N, C-alpha and C. Protein backbone atom coordinates (compact mmCIF):
# COMPACT_ATOMS: atom_id res chain seq x y z
N MET A 1 5.83 24.21 12.72
CA MET A 1 5.57 22.87 13.49
C MET A 1 4.94 21.96 12.50
N ILE A 2 5.23 20.77 12.74
CA ILE A 2 4.76 19.56 11.97
C ILE A 2 3.31 19.56 12.00
N VAL A 3 2.74 19.69 13.13
CA VAL A 3 1.02 19.58 13.17
C VAL A 3 0.53 20.80 12.40
N ASP A 4 1.16 21.88 12.18
CA ASP A 4 0.73 22.98 11.27
C ASP A 4 0.75 22.60 9.88
N LYS A 5 1.70 21.65 9.33
CA LYS A 5 1.85 21.32 8.03
C LYS A 5 0.73 20.22 7.78
N LEU A 6 0.70 19.24 8.56
CA LEU A 6 -0.61 18.51 8.33
C LEU A 6 -1.95 19.06 8.28
N LEU A 7 -2.20 20.10 8.97
CA LEU A 7 -3.48 20.70 8.75
C LEU A 7 -3.90 21.25 7.58
N THR A 8 -2.94 21.35 6.55
CA THR A 8 -3.06 22.18 5.24
C THR A 8 -3.87 20.98 4.35
N ARG A 9 -4.44 21.50 3.25
CA ARG A 9 -5.00 20.74 2.26
C ARG A 9 -3.98 19.80 1.65
N ARG A 10 -2.78 20.20 1.59
CA ARG A 10 -1.54 19.37 1.05
C ARG A 10 -1.28 18.43 1.74
N GLY A 11 -0.97 18.61 3.22
CA GLY A 11 -0.78 17.83 4.23
C GLY A 11 -1.96 16.57 4.27
N TRP A 12 -3.03 16.73 4.24
CA TRP A 12 -4.02 15.90 4.50
C TRP A 12 -4.12 14.99 3.04
N ARG A 13 -3.50 15.44 2.03
CA ARG A 13 -3.42 14.64 0.77
C ARG A 13 -2.15 13.74 0.99
N VAL A 14 -1.19 14.33 1.45
CA VAL A 14 -0.04 13.48 1.62
C VAL A 14 -0.28 12.26 2.78
N VAL A 15 -1.00 12.47 3.66
CA VAL A 15 -1.32 11.58 4.70
C VAL A 15 -2.42 10.62 4.08
N ALA A 16 -3.27 11.18 3.42
CA ALA A 16 -4.17 9.94 2.63
C ALA A 16 -3.12 9.20 1.70
N HIS A 17 -2.24 9.50 0.89
CA HIS A 17 -1.66 8.81 0.07
C HIS A 17 -0.56 7.84 0.91
N SER A 18 -0.02 8.23 1.87
CA SER A 18 0.71 7.55 2.95
C SER A 18 -0.05 6.32 3.39
N SER A 19 -1.05 6.68 4.00
CA SER A 19 -2.10 5.56 4.32
C SER A 19 -2.75 4.79 3.32
N LEU A 20 -2.52 4.98 2.12
CA LEU A 20 -2.96 4.02 0.95
C LEU A 20 -1.83 3.26 0.96
N VAL A 21 -0.50 3.64 1.09
CA VAL A 21 0.55 2.80 1.05
C VAL A 21 0.48 1.74 2.25
N ALA A 22 0.41 2.36 3.28
CA ALA A 22 0.34 1.59 4.57
C ALA A 22 -0.56 0.31 4.35
N ALA A 23 -1.71 0.71 3.79
CA ALA A 23 -2.80 -0.37 3.66
C ALA A 23 -2.35 -1.42 2.71
N GLY A 24 -1.57 -0.94 1.65
CA GLY A 24 -1.13 -2.15 0.64
C GLY A 24 0.05 -2.90 1.24
N VAL A 25 0.91 -2.28 2.23
CA VAL A 25 1.79 -3.08 2.73
C VAL A 25 1.40 -4.06 3.93
N GLY A 26 0.17 -3.43 4.55
CA GLY A 26 -0.29 -4.56 5.61
C GLY A 26 -1.03 -5.55 4.90
N LEU A 27 -1.78 -5.32 3.82
CA LEU A 27 -2.50 -6.30 2.83
C LEU A 27 -1.29 -7.47 2.36
N LEU A 28 -0.34 -6.95 1.91
CA LEU A 28 0.63 -7.80 1.39
C LEU A 28 1.40 -8.62 2.55
N TYR A 29 1.47 -8.19 3.65
CA TYR A 29 1.96 -8.82 4.94
C TYR A 29 0.97 -9.81 5.22
N LEU A 30 -0.38 -9.64 5.18
CA LEU A 30 -1.19 -10.81 5.73
C LEU A 30 -1.50 -11.55 4.51
N LEU A 31 -1.38 -11.31 3.23
CA LEU A 31 -1.33 -12.22 2.29
C LEU A 31 -0.21 -13.09 2.10
N SER A 32 0.92 -12.57 2.34
CA SER A 32 2.29 -13.61 2.42
C SER A 32 2.24 -14.70 3.51
N GLY A 33 1.67 -14.23 4.64
CA GLY A 33 1.31 -15.41 5.64
C GLY A 33 0.45 -16.36 5.21
N MET A 34 -0.72 -15.81 4.54
CA MET A 34 -1.56 -16.97 4.00
C MET A 34 -0.85 -17.73 2.76
N VAL A 35 -0.13 -17.06 2.07
CA VAL A 35 0.54 -17.76 0.94
C VAL A 35 1.45 -19.03 1.63
N ILE A 36 2.13 -18.67 2.72
CA ILE A 36 3.28 -19.51 3.16
C ILE A 36 2.60 -20.82 3.84
N GLU A 37 1.32 -20.32 4.55
CA GLU A 37 0.74 -21.45 5.36
C GLU A 37 0.04 -22.27 4.27
N ASN A 38 -0.51 -22.01 3.35
CA ASN A 38 -1.14 -22.57 2.20
C ASN A 38 -0.43 -23.40 1.47
N ILE A 39 0.95 -22.91 1.12
CA ILE A 39 1.87 -23.73 0.40
C ILE A 39 2.18 -24.76 1.21
N GLN A 40 2.34 -24.67 2.45
CA GLN A 40 2.83 -25.80 3.38
C GLN A 40 1.75 -26.85 3.57
N CYS A 41 0.69 -26.56 3.56
CA CYS A 41 -0.47 -27.40 3.46
C CYS A 41 -0.91 -27.93 2.01
N GLU A 42 -0.28 -27.28 1.09
CA GLU A 42 -0.54 -27.64 -0.37
C GLU A 42 -2.06 -27.52 -0.65
N THR A 43 -2.70 -26.70 -0.03
CA THR A 43 -4.30 -26.54 -0.36
C THR A 43 -4.68 -25.64 -1.42
N LEU A 44 -3.79 -24.41 -1.87
CA LEU A 44 -3.98 -23.35 -2.65
C LEU A 44 -2.95 -23.09 -3.48
N SER A 45 -3.31 -22.83 -4.74
CA SER A 45 -2.11 -22.49 -5.77
C SER A 45 -1.80 -21.22 -5.77
N TRP A 46 -0.76 -20.74 -6.50
CA TRP A 46 -0.17 -19.61 -6.58
C TRP A 46 -1.03 -18.61 -7.47
N TRP A 47 -1.96 -19.12 -8.31
CA TRP A 47 -2.58 -18.45 -9.02
C TRP A 47 -3.90 -17.74 -8.51
N ILE A 48 -4.33 -18.40 -7.35
CA ILE A 48 -5.42 -17.93 -6.84
C ILE A 48 -5.13 -16.66 -5.89
N LEU A 49 -3.91 -16.68 -5.19
CA LEU A 49 -3.62 -15.77 -4.49
C LEU A 49 -2.61 -14.47 -5.19
N GLY A 50 -2.47 -14.66 -6.61
CA GLY A 50 -1.68 -13.80 -7.43
C GLY A 50 -2.36 -12.62 -7.46
N LEU A 51 -3.66 -12.55 -7.79
CA LEU A 51 -4.48 -11.33 -8.08
C LEU A 51 -4.37 -10.35 -6.87
N PRO A 52 -4.63 -11.03 -5.48
CA PRO A 52 -4.55 -10.03 -4.24
C PRO A 52 -3.38 -9.39 -4.11
N ILE A 53 -2.19 -10.27 -4.35
CA ILE A 53 -0.97 -9.82 -4.14
C ILE A 53 -0.65 -8.75 -5.04
N THR A 54 -0.87 -8.93 -6.35
CA THR A 54 -0.80 -7.85 -7.25
C THR A 54 -1.61 -6.52 -6.85
N ALA A 55 -2.59 -6.78 -6.49
CA ALA A 55 -3.52 -5.46 -6.02
C ALA A 55 -2.79 -4.86 -5.00
N SER A 56 -2.40 -5.56 -3.91
CA SER A 56 -1.63 -4.85 -2.88
C SER A 56 -0.52 -4.17 -3.27
N LEU A 57 0.43 -4.76 -4.33
CA LEU A 57 1.52 -4.29 -4.71
C LEU A 57 1.09 -2.86 -5.47
N TRP A 58 0.28 -2.97 -6.23
CA TRP A 58 -0.33 -1.76 -6.98
C TRP A 58 -0.71 -0.52 -6.08
N LEU A 59 -1.42 -0.83 -4.91
CA LEU A 59 -1.49 0.19 -3.90
C LEU A 59 -0.33 0.76 -3.46
N VAL A 60 0.47 -0.11 -2.98
CA VAL A 60 1.76 0.43 -2.44
C VAL A 60 2.55 1.47 -3.79
N VAL A 61 2.57 0.95 -4.85
CA VAL A 61 3.11 1.99 -5.78
C VAL A 61 2.38 3.28 -6.32
N LEU A 62 1.04 2.89 -6.22
CA LEU A 62 0.21 4.04 -6.46
C LEU A 62 0.40 5.25 -5.43
N GLY A 63 0.09 4.58 -4.23
CA GLY A 63 0.30 5.55 -2.84
C GLY A 63 1.64 6.07 -3.00
N SER A 64 2.64 5.55 -3.12
CA SER A 64 4.03 6.13 -3.14
C SER A 64 4.29 7.15 -4.17
N MET A 65 3.65 6.90 -5.44
CA MET A 65 3.91 7.77 -6.51
C MET A 65 2.99 9.05 -6.20
N LEU A 66 1.89 8.97 -5.57
CA LEU A 66 1.00 10.14 -5.40
C LEU A 66 1.68 10.99 -4.44
N ALA A 67 2.16 10.24 -3.20
CA ALA A 67 2.87 11.21 -2.29
C ALA A 67 3.96 11.80 -2.69
N LYS A 68 4.94 11.09 -3.51
CA LYS A 68 5.97 11.76 -4.13
C LYS A 68 5.69 13.09 -4.90
N ALA A 69 4.61 12.77 -5.68
CA ALA A 69 4.22 13.92 -6.62
C ALA A 69 3.44 14.97 -5.82
N GLU A 70 2.84 14.59 -4.52
CA GLU A 70 2.33 15.98 -3.88
C GLU A 70 3.55 16.54 -2.98
N LEU A 71 4.64 15.75 -2.54
CA LEU A 71 5.66 16.33 -2.11
C LEU A 71 6.68 17.27 -2.71
N THR A 72 6.60 16.77 -4.06
CA THR A 72 7.50 17.67 -5.01
C THR A 72 6.77 18.61 -5.85
N ASN A 73 5.57 19.03 -5.69
CA ASN A 73 4.74 19.77 -6.40
C ASN A 73 4.73 19.39 -7.92
N TRP A 74 4.65 18.30 -8.34
CA TRP A 74 4.72 17.86 -9.75
C TRP A 74 3.42 18.27 -10.39
N ARG A 75 3.47 18.63 -11.45
CA ARG A 75 2.07 19.07 -12.22
C ARG A 75 2.17 18.47 -13.45
């Protein structure tokens, strides 16, 4: 059963890495809305929002790499 697989140590690590990916995607979604709104109003430049967008993309990449490594028993 899938619940039994999630209750293991490995299952919790996969869930944690997947939630890291979800947080990065959610942050990217919120930041993209801010970017569109601020570009239309011409109040904020790309450089100011570039760092948070880069950080959220980094969260997505890191979380997906960790989850893949955990699922494939990479050592």
